Every structure is written in structure tokens, then in C-alpha cells.
């Protein structure tokens, strides 16, 4: 007998129809083969400007070999959460090596950068505390703030004067967390770290920096924006990722030993998620060796960044305030950004379109990310396609 039950999820079809009307509905692109500078998506080989694989480490021979060795020796999984039976010697070695690399007392590895951000903010704060947060901070920071139940005060992007005004309104005795991205993922600009560290020290706040898009990119051997600005010892909580320039999977928190031991006991993603497979931990260790042994990869990344960013600007595209390998091409409304993205893909360049609510209305864009493994020919081809399609769509 046919069911007469009304679908309780039918409202989702209405929401999806709305996304289609706004030009925001996107099918997932399917990668066929390796994540490389030229890769095949949906049967089409394109210059890949949408990957976070900054240094090309997803396919680096040293990472491949270490991962395979770990599978052969230790199997494919850890079998448990870290706090019960899932802490392997590899996990402890990775945390020790990361702490040494970041020049902090200790590190805890989470299953993702999102989990690291959200789990840490939610763990260390409570409803009587307050968070002072840049308005363009990553979604994982925003979710962690909400989970903590602390009061949230948002200041305009990189506006240190406005952040100071927020601090002045707060009781001196209230516990405060000041948090910013090191590199902002949609605009590619760098946070106002030195001035914000001064502010945190002046008002006795905890200073936290999400360095996901700076890990492996900024600082000596890719140590991040804290190293780039010489702020060691002034940032209480550093967030890093193992999923972007490191080429594997995961996130981590670097800080004092007390902070890390507390997160071992109170970080909910750490407590309730199975630990990394041996192959992932081993690949991350190999990636740290590559960062130390092959700094020319980072040099090449920046050479490519300067060439491509300069080329887009010379063509007349609006690249916003980008200061990193993330270079947005801002076109205004979402339908135009999605049409630009689709036409670029048809012509052999993959640059994902992004609109509201990920970015503000009127600031829709395609986001481009160059890598160390792009050749000059790859990037010139992409610039030529951008020029042709930009003129076709009336952007230039």
C-alpha cells in the first residue's frame, strides 16, 4: 500500500529551488586521479586553481612512501579514540615534532582544522566569558564561539581601533579571548597580528590565531604568521592544519603544556572521535621533513603567487586585499561569479565560484589558489583564459 505520510523534509526542496533561483546551486566537481596542478575533474583536464595543496605534498614521493610503510607495519586504522586505546607512538611523535616545529611547549592533533578550532574554543570558555572576534573569521571559529556559550563581540575586519573600543566596554575581571585568522580564507589577506597581540596583552586577554592557510606558506620553513611576524611567546593558542600545505588530513593546537593537557581531557572532538590512521600520521611526519629539507618549494609557491596575482591585476581584475597565494577575482553578484566559474571550467581552468553567505552580498568571486607545482605555462594559460572569458562576460 502506498504511504500517505507527508514528507517532513519537503521544505529542503524549497530551499534548494531558492538556491537555484539565486544562481548558487552547485554540483560537486569529481576529481578523477591525483590532486595536481593540472588535474581531471568531471572528465575534463584543467589547470587546477581550487586546491589547498599549496606545496604539492599530496603526491610527494616521501609522503607516499611513509604512508605505505605505516600501513604495512601498523594497519589501516587505530581502532579507538585517543583517550582510550587509540594513541599510537606515531601520534605522540607527530605532536612532539609539531611542537618543536612551532616552537611551543606542546601540541594536540585533532581530526580536522574545523574540529581543532571549534573544540578548543568550546572547551576553554564558558557562558560568563567573552570572545572578541574578527567579523571575517572562519566558520569553525564562529561555531566554536557559539558552542562555548560565551558572549560574542564581533569587530569590523582588521579594525584594531574598534576591537579596542570593545575591550574598553568590558569588565576588567571578565575572561576574554581575542581571536583572528592568520590568513583569511576568502580574501587572502593577513590578520593584524602584531597590533592585536598588543591589545590582548594590554587587556589581559587570551590571544588565539587560526593559521590554517598560513601553515606551510608563511614564516621560516612554513611555520606560519606567528613566525612571520616574530610573535613567538605572544600567541597563547595557535591553530594549524595538516590538510592544506601539509598535504594530508587533520588540524592541531599548539600552546602551553597545560593547555594541551586540558584539551586531552576536555576537547570533545579529541575525546569522541577515532584517532588518525597510521598512514595519515606518518605522512604528516614526512611532510615536516620536507618543509625543513626542501624550502625551495615555498620559494616557488611565492614566485608563482607574484606572477599570477600580478597578471590578474594587470588585466584589470579586482583581486581585493590579497597578500597570499589565495587571490580572489571579485565580480559582484553571485550569478555572475558562478557563470565566470563555469565558463573558465569549459575553457580549461578550475576556479570555484563563491557567493553569499560565504562572502558578503555584492562581493561574490571566484577564488584562485596557486601552488608550488604550477608551471609558468600553466599560469600563463590560466591568465589567457581569464582575459578571454572576462571580456566575454563584460567583467573587463
Protein backbone atom coordinates (compact mmCIF):
# COMPACT_ATOMS: atom_id res chain seq x y z
CA UNK A 1 0.00 0.00 0.00
CA UNK A 2 1.43 3.41 -0.93
CA UNK A 3 2.43 5.58 2.01
CA UNK A 4 0.22 8.59 2.75
CA UNK A 5 2.86 10.11 5.02
CA UNK A 6 3.78 13.71 4.23
CA UNK A 7 7.49 14.17 3.67
CA UNK A 8 8.74 16.15 6.69
CA UNK A 9 11.81 17.20 4.72
CA UNK A 10 9.96 18.71 1.77
CA UNK A 11 11.00 22.20 2.91
CA UNK A 12 14.52 21.31 1.77
CA UNK A 13 13.33 21.12 -1.83
CA UNK A 14 12.02 24.67 -1.46
CA UNK A 15 15.40 25.80 -0.12
CA UNK A 16 17.21 24.09 -3.00
CA UNK A 17 14.89 25.75 -5.50
CA UNK A 18 15.75 29.09 -3.92
CA UNK A 19 19.48 28.37 -4.33
CA UNK A 20 18.90 27.59 -8.00
CA UNK A 21 16.98 30.83 -8.49
CA UNK A 22 19.84 32.80 -6.91
CA UNK A 23 22.41 31.05 -9.08
CA UNK A 24 24.05 29.50 -6.01
CA UNK A 25 23.25 25.83 -6.56
CA UNK A 26 26.40 23.88 -7.50
CA UNK A 27 27.01 20.26 -8.40
CA UNK A 28 30.09 18.72 -6.81
CA UNK A 29 33.09 18.51 -9.12
CA UNK A 30 34.54 14.99 -9.12
CA UNK A 31 38.31 14.57 -9.15
CA UNK A 32 39.50 11.68 -11.31
CA UNK A 33 43.08 10.81 -10.44
CA UNK A 34 45.58 12.75 -8.39
CA UNK A 35 45.22 16.20 -6.83
CA UNK A 36 47.73 18.03 -9.02
CA UNK A 37 48.32 21.41 -10.67
CA UNK A 38 46.74 20.01 -13.83
CA UNK A 39 44.03 17.60 -12.80
CA UNK A 40 40.98 15.90 -14.26
CA UNK A 41 37.55 16.86 -12.94
CA UNK A 42 34.32 15.55 -14.46
CA UNK A 43 36.27 14.12 -17.38
CA UNK A 44 37.97 17.43 -18.25
CA UNK A 45 41.67 18.13 -17.67
CA UNK A 46 42.06 21.65 -16.29
CA UNK A 47 44.56 23.95 -14.62
CA UNK A 48 43.54 23.43 -11.01
CA UNK A 49 43.26 26.75 -9.14
CA UNK A 50 40.86 25.46 -6.47
CA UNK A 51 43.06 23.20 -4.34
CA UNK A 52 44.64 23.96 -0.95
CA UNK A 53 47.55 21.71 -1.94
CA UNK A 54 49.94 24.67 -1.72
CA UNK A 55 53.21 22.75 -1.93
CA UNK A 56 52.08 19.73 -3.93
CA UNK A 57 52.66 17.41 -0.98
CA UNK A 58 49.54 15.29 -1.60
CA UNK A 59 51.60 13.36 -4.17
CA UNK A 60 55.14 13.91 -2.83
CA UNK A 61 57.19 10.67 -3.01
CA UNK A 62 58.38 10.95 0.61
CA UNK A 63 54.82 11.23 1.93
CA UNK A 64 53.62 8.35 -0.23
CA UNK A 65 56.39 6.05 0.97
CA UNK A 66 55.97 6.85 4.66
CA UNK A 67 52.23 6.29 4.41
CA UNK A 68 52.69 2.92 2.70
CA UNK A 69 55.27 1.85 5.28
CA UNK A 70 52.87 2.71 8.10
CA UNK A 71 50.05 0.69 6.54
CA UNK A 72 52.31 -2.33 6.10
CA UNK A 73 53.62 -2.14 9.67
CA UNK A 74 50.60 -0.89 11.61
CA UNK A 75 47.46 -1.48 9.55
CA UNK A 76 44.84 0.91 8.22
CA UNK A 77 43.24 2.20 11.42
CA UNK A 78 43.88 2.96 15.08
CA UNK A 79 40.75 1.26 16.38
CA UNK A 80 39.87 3.72 19.12
CA UNK A 81 39.74 7.29 20.34
CA UNK A 82 42.96 8.78 21.67
CA UNK A 83 41.79 8.81 25.31
CA UNK A 84 41.14 5.06 25.41
CA UNK A 85 43.25 2.77 23.22
CA UNK A 86 43.86 4.86 20.09
CA UNK A 87 47.01 6.79 20.98
CA UNK A 88 49.82 5.26 18.95
CA UNK A 89 53.52 6.05 19.15
CA UNK A 90 53.16 7.79 15.77
CA UNK A 91 50.58 10.20 17.21
CA UNK A 92 52.84 11.16 20.08
CA UNK A 93 55.82 11.57 17.75
CA UNK A 94 53.78 13.82 15.45
CA UNK A 95 52.68 16.03 18.34
CA UNK A 96 56.24 16.27 19.63
CA UNK A 97 57.59 17.17 16.19
CA UNK A 98 54.87 19.76 15.60
CA UNK A 99 55.58 21.42 18.96
CA UNK A 100 59.26 21.58 18.08
CA UNK A 101 58.42 23.00 14.65
CA UNK A 102 56.02 25.63 16.05
CA UNK A 103 58.35 26.41 18.99
CA UNK A 104 55.73 25.80 21.64
CA UNK A 105 55.69 23.54 24.68
CA UNK A 106 53.18 21.05 23.31
CA UNK A 107 50.66 20.23 20.56
CA UNK A 108 47.45 18.22 20.33
CA UNK A 109 46.29 16.88 16.97
CA UNK A 110 42.59 16.90 16.10
CA UNK A 111 40.79 15.11 13.30
CA UNK A 112 40.39 18.34 11.29
CA UNK A 113 41.13 22.02 11.46
CA UNK A 114 37.42 22.64 11.98
CA UNK A 115 37.43 20.30 14.98
CA UNK A 116 40.56 21.96 16.38
CA UNK A 117 39.01 25.42 16.25
CA UNK A 118 35.51 24.54 17.40
CA UNK A 119 36.63 22.03 20.03
CA UNK A 120 39.19 24.33 21.61
CA UNK A 121 37.09 27.48 21.89
CA UNK A 122 34.16 25.47 23.26
CA UNK A 123 36.40 23.72 25.79
CA UNK A 124 38.26 26.65 27.34
CA UNK A 125 35.40 29.16 27.69
CA UNK A 126 32.03 29.23 29.46
CA UNK A 127 28.91 31.36 29.45
CA UNK A 128 30.35 34.06 31.71
CA UNK A 129 33.30 34.68 29.38
CA UNK A 130 33.51 36.85 26.27
CA UNK A 131 35.01 36.38 22.81
CA UNK A 132 36.23 39.28 20.68
CA UNK A 133 36.29 38.04 17.09
CA UNK A 134 37.13 39.45 13.66
CA UNK A 135 33.99 39.56 11.51
CA UNK A 136 35.63 37.51 8.73
CA UNK A 137 36.93 34.70 10.92
CA UNK A 138 36.47 31.15 9.65
CA UNK A 139 33.17 29.31 10.18
CA UNK A 140 34.84 26.84 12.56
CA UNK A 141 35.77 29.72 14.87
CA UNK A 142 32.23 31.07 14.73
CA UNK A 143 30.77 27.64 15.57
CA UNK A 144 33.22 27.15 18.42
CA UNK A 145 32.24 30.53 19.82
CA UNK A 146 28.58 29.56 19.75
CA UNK A 147 29.24 26.17 21.34
CA UNK A 148 31.13 27.79 24.21
CA UNK A 149 28.00 29.79 25.18
CA UNK A 150 30.29 32.74 25.88
CA UNK A 151 29.23 36.23 24.86
CA UNK A 152 30.45 37.09 21.37
CA UNK A 153 31.55 40.59 20.34
CA UNK A 154 32.46 40.98 16.67
CA UNK A 155 34.67 43.80 15.42
CA UNK A 156 34.96 45.01 11.79
CA UNK A 157 37.58 43.22 9.75
CA UNK A 158 41.11 44.02 10.96
CA UNK A 159 39.85 47.15 12.74
CA UNK A 160 42.09 47.21 15.81
CA UNK A 161 40.64 50.55 16.97
CA UNK A 162 37.14 49.04 17.01
CA UNK A 163 38.43 45.98 18.87
CA UNK A 164 39.98 48.27 21.48
CA UNK A 165 36.64 50.01 21.93
CA UNK A 166 35.03 46.60 22.62
CA UNK A 167 37.64 45.81 25.27
CA UNK A 168 37.10 49.14 27.00
CA UNK A 169 33.41 48.35 27.44
CA UNK A 170 34.07 45.01 29.17
CA UNK A 171 34.63 44.41 32.90
CA UNK A 172 38.32 44.03 33.73
CA UNK A 173 37.62 40.83 35.65
CA UNK A 174 35.85 39.05 32.78
CA UNK A 175 37.82 36.29 30.99
CA UNK A 176 38.39 37.35 27.39
CA UNK A 177 39.52 35.58 24.21
CA UNK A 178 40.73 37.63 21.23
CA UNK A 179 40.71 35.56 18.05
CA UNK A 180 41.67 36.13 14.43
CA UNK A 181 42.64 34.22 11.33
CA UNK A 182 46.29 34.48 10.36
CA UNK A 183 45.36 34.40 6.67
CA UNK A 184 41.70 34.91 5.78
CA UNK A 185 40.48 32.11 3.55
CA UNK A 186 38.20 34.07 1.22
CA UNK A 187 40.18 37.29 0.70
CA UNK A 188 43.72 36.02 1.19
CA UNK A 189 44.73 38.96 3.37
CA UNK A 190 46.81 38.67 6.54
CA UNK A 191 45.44 39.38 10.02
CA UNK A 192 46.56 42.41 12.05
CA UNK A 193 48.51 40.15 14.38
CA UNK A 194 51.15 42.46 15.93
CA UNK A 195 48.58 45.13 16.88
CA UNK A 196 46.10 42.53 18.15
CA UNK A 197 48.79 40.90 20.29
CA UNK A 198 49.50 44.32 21.80
CA UNK A 199 45.78 44.70 22.52
CA UNK A 200 45.49 41.25 24.11
CA UNK A 201 48.42 41.98 26.39
CA UNK A 202 47.07 45.40 27.35
CA UNK A 203 43.71 43.97 28.43
CA UNK A 204 44.89 40.59 29.73
CA UNK A 205 43.09 38.57 27.04
CA UNK A 206 43.88 35.11 25.70
CA UNK A 207 45.31 35.52 22.18
CA UNK A 208 44.32 32.90 19.58
CA UNK A 209 45.31 32.73 15.89
CA UNK A 210 43.96 30.32 13.29
CA UNK A 211 46.91 29.76 10.98
CA UNK A 212 45.34 27.16 8.69
CA UNK A 213 46.11 28.96 5.43
CA UNK A 214 49.49 30.17 6.69
CA UNK A 215 50.79 26.74 7.71
CA UNK A 216 53.47 25.72 5.23
CA UNK A 217 53.16 29.10 3.47
CA UNK A 218 54.31 31.95 5.75
CA UNK A 219 57.26 32.09 8.14
CA UNK A 220 60.56 30.23 8.14
CA UNK A 221 60.04 26.79 6.55
CA UNK A 222 56.31 27.44 6.67
CA UNK A 223 55.94 27.94 10.42
CA UNK A 224 53.08 30.40 9.92
CA UNK A 225 52.21 34.02 10.63
CA UNK A 226 53.37 33.92 14.25
CA UNK A 227 56.88 33.19 12.98
CA UNK A 228 56.43 35.60 10.05
CA UNK A 229 55.76 38.49 12.47
CA UNK A 230 58.17 37.31 15.19
CA UNK A 231 55.39 36.80 17.75
CA UNK A 232 56.62 33.63 19.44
CA UNK A 233 55.51 33.58 23.08
CA UNK A 234 52.81 36.21 22.49
CA UNK A 235 50.09 34.00 20.98
CA UNK A 236 48.57 31.67 23.56
CA UNK A 237 46.73 29.36 21.17
CA UNK A 238 47.94 28.60 17.67
CA UNK A 239 45.74 26.62 15.29
CA UNK A 240 47.37 24.79 12.40
CA UNK A 241 46.22 22.44 9.71
CA UNK A 242 47.57 19.21 8.29
CA UNK A 243 45.06 19.25 5.42
CA UNK A 244 46.35 22.06 3.20
CA UNK A 245 50.06 22.72 2.62
CA UNK A 246 50.95 19.63 4.69
CA UNK A 247 49.02 17.57 2.14
CA UNK A 248 47.27 15.07 4.42
CA UNK A 249 44.44 15.45 6.95
CA UNK A 250 43.81 16.98 10.37
CA UNK A 251 44.35 20.06 12.47
CA UNK A 252 46.27 20.87 15.63
CA UNK A 253 46.51 23.24 18.55
CA UNK A 254 49.92 24.47 19.69
CA UNK A 255 50.48 26.14 23.05
CA UNK A 256 51.49 25.53 26.63
CA UNK A 257 51.64 22.05 28.09
CA UNK A 258 48.79 22.94 30.45
CA UNK A 259 46.57 23.95 27.52
CA UNK A 260 47.28 20.72 25.65
CA UNK A 261 46.74 18.50 28.69
CA UNK A 262 43.47 20.30 29.38
CA UNK A 263 42.34 19.63 25.79
CA UNK A 264 43.27 15.96 26.21
CA UNK A 265 40.64 15.92 28.95
CA UNK A 266 38.03 18.40 27.71
CA UNK A 267 38.35 18.74 23.93
CA UNK A 268 35.21 16.95 22.77
CA UNK A 269 36.34 16.19 19.18
CA UNK A 270 39.54 14.71 20.64
CA UNK A 271 37.62 12.64 23.20
CA UNK A 272 34.89 11.34 20.93
CA UNK A 273 36.50 10.78 17.50
CA UNK A 274 38.72 7.90 16.44
CA UNK A 275 42.34 8.95 16.04
CA UNK A 276 44.16 9.35 12.74
CA UNK A 277 45.03 6.21 10.78
CA UNK A 278 48.75 5.37 10.93
CA UNK A 279 49.22 6.31 7.27
CA UNK A 280 47.96 9.86 7.90
CA UNK A 281 50.19 10.45 10.93
CA UNK A 282 53.19 9.03 9.09
CA UNK A 283 52.54 11.21 6.03
CA UNK A 284 52.34 14.31 8.25
CA UNK A 285 55.71 13.45 9.80
CA UNK A 286 57.20 13.10 6.33
CA UNK A 287 55.70 16.47 5.38
CA UNK A 288 57.51 18.15 8.29
CA UNK A 289 60.76 16.65 6.99
CA UNK A 290 60.01 18.07 3.53
CA UNK A 291 59.33 21.56 4.95
CA UNK A 292 62.71 21.51 6.67
CA UNK A 293 64.65 19.87 3.82
CA UNK A 294 63.05 21.44 0.74
CA UNK A 295 62.38 25.15 1.47
CA UNK A 296 62.62 25.79 -2.28
CA UNK A 297 59.01 24.56 -2.54
CA UNK A 298 57.85 27.57 -0.52
CA UNK A 299 60.05 29.88 -2.59
CA UNK A 300 58.46 28.50 -5.77
CA UNK A 301 54.97 28.96 -4.31
CA UNK A 302 55.66 32.65 -3.74
CA UNK A 303 57.23 33.12 -7.17
CA UNK A 304 54.09 31.66 -8.74
CA UNK A 305 51.89 33.77 -6.48
CA UNK A 306 53.57 37.01 -7.52
CA UNK A 307 53.41 36.11 -11.22
CA UNK A 308 49.75 35.10 -11.24
CA UNK A 309 48.45 37.83 -8.92
CA UNK A 310 50.33 40.45 -10.90
CA UNK A 311 48.93 39.08 -14.14
CA UNK A 312 45.33 39.26 -12.91
CA UNK A 313 45.84 42.82 -11.70
CA UNK A 314 47.42 43.91 -14.98
CA UNK A 315 44.39 42.53 -16.83
CA UNK A 316 42.19 44.74 -14.65
CA UNK A 317 40.54 42.22 -12.35
CA UNK A 318 39.62 43.20 -8.79
CA UNK A 319 41.79 41.00 -6.54
CA UNK A 320 40.76 42.72 -3.31
CA UNK A 321 43.26 42.89 -0.47
CA UNK A 322 45.02 39.58 -1.13
CA UNK A 323 48.51 39.16 0.34
CA UNK A 324 48.85 35.40 -0.07
CA UNK A 325 48.54 32.61 -2.65
CA UNK A 326 44.76 32.98 -2.21
CA UNK A 327 43.72 35.54 -4.82
CA UNK A 328 40.01 36.29 -5.26
CA UNK A 329 38.63 37.67 -8.51
CA UNK A 330 35.73 39.75 -7.19
CA UNK A 331 32.92 40.34 -9.68
CA UNK A 332 29.92 41.43 -7.57
CA UNK A 333 26.79 39.29 -7.67
CA UNK A 334 26.67 35.53 -7.29
CA UNK A 335 25.12 34.61 -10.68
CA UNK A 336 27.97 36.37 -12.50
CA UNK A 337 30.59 34.68 -10.30
CA UNK A 338 29.08 31.26 -10.98
CA UNK A 339 28.86 31.97 -14.72
CA UNK A 340 32.51 33.06 -14.70
CA UNK A 341 33.49 29.88 -12.88
CA UNK A 342 31.55 27.70 -15.32
CA UNK A 343 32.99 29.40 -18.41
CA UNK A 344 36.52 29.16 -17.03
CA UNK A 345 36.00 25.44 -16.47
CA UNK A 346 34.74 24.97 -20.01
CA UNK A 347 37.90 26.70 -21.25
CA UNK A 348 40.23 24.57 -19.08
CA UNK A 349 40.59 26.42 -15.75
CA UNK A 350 39.02 25.29 -12.47
CA UNK A 351 38.38 28.26 -10.14
CA UNK A 352 35.41 27.78 -7.85
CA UNK A 353 32.68 30.39 -7.63
CA UNK A 354 31.78 31.64 -4.15
CA UNK A 355 28.79 33.75 -3.13
CA UNK A 356 26.64 34.71 -0.15
CA UNK A 357 26.62 33.64 2.69
CA UNK A 358 30.26 32.52 2.45
CA UNK A 359 31.14 36.05 1.36
CA UNK A 360 29.07 39.25 1.70
CA UNK A 361 26.42 40.15 -0.86
CA UNK A 362 27.92 42.15 -3.69
CA UNK A 363 31.34 40.53 -3.08
CA UNK A 364 30.85 37.25 -4.97
CA UNK A 365 34.01 35.98 -6.60
CA UNK A 366 35.93 33.10 -8.00
CA UNK A 367 38.73 32.16 -5.63
CA UNK A 368 42.07 31.18 -7.11
CA UNK A 369 44.91 29.42 -5.30
CA UNK A 370 48.26 28.85 -6.95
CA UNK A 371 50.65 26.12 -5.83
CA UNK A 372 54.37 25.43 -5.97
CA UNK A 373 53.74 22.77 -8.62
CA UNK A 374 52.08 25.02 -11.20
CA UNK A 375 54.39 25.71 -14.11
CA UNK A 376 54.72 29.14 -15.66
CA UNK A 377 52.94 27.72 -18.73
CA UNK A 378 50.02 26.58 -16.51
CA UNK A 379 49.64 30.03 -15.02
CA UNK A 380 50.01 31.89 -18.32
CA UNK A 381 47.37 29.62 -19.85
CA UNK A 382 45.05 30.43 -16.93
CA UNK A 383 45.67 34.17 -17.30
CA UNK A 384 44.88 33.98 -21.02
CA UNK A 385 41.62 32.17 -20.27
CA UNK A 386 40.69 34.70 -17.57
CA UNK A 387 41.32 37.52 -20.04
CA UNK A 388 39.21 35.94 -22.78
CA UNK A 389 36.29 34.96 -20.54
CA UNK A 390 36.43 38.20 -18.55
CA UNK A 391 35.97 40.21 -21.75
CA UNK A 392 33.22 37.87 -22.96
CA UNK A 393 31.22 38.37 -19.75
CA UNK A 394 31.82 42.12 -19.61
CA UNK A 395 33.90 41.96 -16.43
CA UNK A 396 36.89 43.59 -18.13
